[in-house]
């Protein structure tokens, strides 16, 4: 993925490496792995201990992009069916480099 970070949420997430940097559930903080599936409210991440379902609305994630850069995203901006995120307006303050 070579999209600028401000367009990140409009792109495919499956296949990216991700790490939960913050969560309302402390047991999820630090989980990392490859995103293998996505629903409206969940990301399914393949970790070393198997697949884990991560609720989008309650986390902040750091994604590793193919160009080596990393993007931190508030999971609440990802809450949507993947095919519907394309047209969603995203406020700049809700993502960070």
Protein backbone atom coordinates (compact mmCIF):
# COMPACT_ATOMS: atom_id res chain seq x y z
CA UNK A 1 0.00 0.00 0.00
CA UNK A 2 1.48 3.33 -1.02
CA UNK A 3 -1.52 5.52 -0.19
CA UNK A 4 -0.90 8.63 1.90
CA UNK A 5 -1.88 8.16 5.54
CA UNK A 6 -4.87 10.48 5.27
CA UNK A 7 -6.39 8.04 2.74
CA UNK A 8 -5.43 4.95 4.70
CA UNK A 9 -8.90 4.09 6.03
CA UNK A 10 -10.25 3.96 2.48
CA UNK A 11 -8.01 1.09 1.46
CA UNK A 12 -7.96 -2.67 1.94
CA UNK A 13 -6.74 -3.71 5.39
CA UNK A 14 -6.61 -7.49 4.87
CA UNK A 15 -3.02 -8.61 4.59
CA UNK A 16 -1.53 -5.74 6.60
CA UNK A 17 0.40 -6.24 9.82
CA UNK A 18 -1.22 -4.47 12.77
CA UNK A 19 -0.62 -3.98 16.48
CA UNK A 20 -3.16 -2.85 19.07
CA UNK A 21 -1.52 0.15 20.75
CA UNK A 22 -4.45 1.08 23.02
CA UNK A 23 -7.66 -0.66 24.00
CA UNK A 24 -10.46 -0.36 26.51
CA UNK A 25 -9.73 -4.05 27.15
CA UNK A 26 -6.19 -4.24 28.61
CA UNK A 27 -5.77 -7.86 27.49
CA UNK A 28 -5.91 -6.71 23.84
CA UNK A 29 -3.22 -4.06 24.15
CA UNK A 30 -0.09 -5.30 22.44
CA UNK A 31 -1.77 -7.95 20.28
CA UNK A 32 -0.18 -8.02 16.86
CA UNK A 33 -0.38 -10.01 13.70
CA UNK A 34 -1.67 -10.08 10.16
CA UNK A 35 -5.22 -8.98 9.40
CA UNK A 36 -6.96 -11.96 7.78
CA UNK A 37 -10.56 -10.74 7.70
CA UNK A 38 -12.76 -7.78 8.48
CA UNK A 39 -16.41 -7.20 9.28
CA UNK A 40 -18.30 -4.01 10.00
CA UNK A 41 -17.25 -3.97 13.66
CA UNK A 42 -14.33 -6.41 13.90
CA UNK A 43 -10.84 -7.01 12.61
CA UNK A 44 -9.70 -10.63 12.69
CA UNK A 45 -5.96 -10.82 13.31
CA UNK A 46 -3.83 -13.95 12.98
CA UNK A 47 -1.49 -13.90 15.98
CA UNK A 48 1.11 -16.42 17.13
CA UNK A 49 -1.63 -17.95 19.31
CA UNK A 50 -4.33 -18.13 16.66
CA UNK A 51 -7.00 -15.79 15.36
CA UNK A 52 -8.24 -12.97 17.59
CA UNK A 53 -11.30 -10.77 17.02
CA UNK A 54 -10.58 -7.12 17.72
CA UNK A 55 -13.54 -4.71 18.04
CA UNK A 56 -12.74 -1.69 15.89
CA UNK A 57 -14.56 0.82 18.07
CA UNK A 58 -12.52 0.24 21.23
CA UNK A 59 -8.93 0.28 19.98
CA UNK A 60 -6.15 2.31 18.49
CA UNK A 61 -4.01 0.40 16.00
CA UNK A 62 -0.62 0.81 14.40
CA UNK A 63 -0.45 -0.53 10.84
CA UNK A 64 2.79 -1.35 9.02
CA UNK A 65 2.59 -0.29 5.38
CA UNK A 66 4.41 -2.00 2.53
CA UNK A 67 6.74 1.00 2.08
CA UNK A 68 8.03 0.54 5.64
CA UNK A 69 6.12 3.41 7.21
CA UNK A 70 3.67 3.04 10.07
CA UNK A 71 0.28 4.66 10.60
CA UNK A 72 -1.61 4.92 13.86
CA UNK A 73 -5.39 4.86 13.42
CA UNK A 74 -8.24 5.26 15.87
CA UNK A 75 -10.32 2.14 15.25
CA UNK A 76 -13.58 4.07 15.39
CA UNK A 77 -12.90 5.54 11.93
CA UNK A 78 -12.74 2.00 10.55
CA UNK A 79 -16.21 1.05 11.82
CA UNK A 80 -18.07 0.42 8.60
CA UNK A 81 -18.40 -2.31 6.07
CA UNK A 82 -15.11 -2.27 4.16
CA UNK A 83 -16.82 -1.53 0.85
CA UNK A 84 -18.59 1.49 2.36
CA UNK A 85 -15.50 3.14 3.88
CA UNK A 86 -14.44 4.47 0.47
CA UNK A 87 -16.96 7.31 0.52
CA UNK A 88 -16.63 8.14 4.21
CA UNK A 89 -15.28 11.56 5.20
CA UNK A 90 -12.40 11.20 7.64
CA UNK A 91 -11.24 13.98 9.91
CA UNK A 92 -7.48 14.45 9.86
CA UNK A 93 -7.18 14.61 13.67
CA UNK A 94 -8.33 10.98 13.97
CA UNK A 95 -5.20 9.46 12.44
CA UNK A 96 -1.52 10.01 13.21
CA UNK A 97 1.83 9.20 11.67
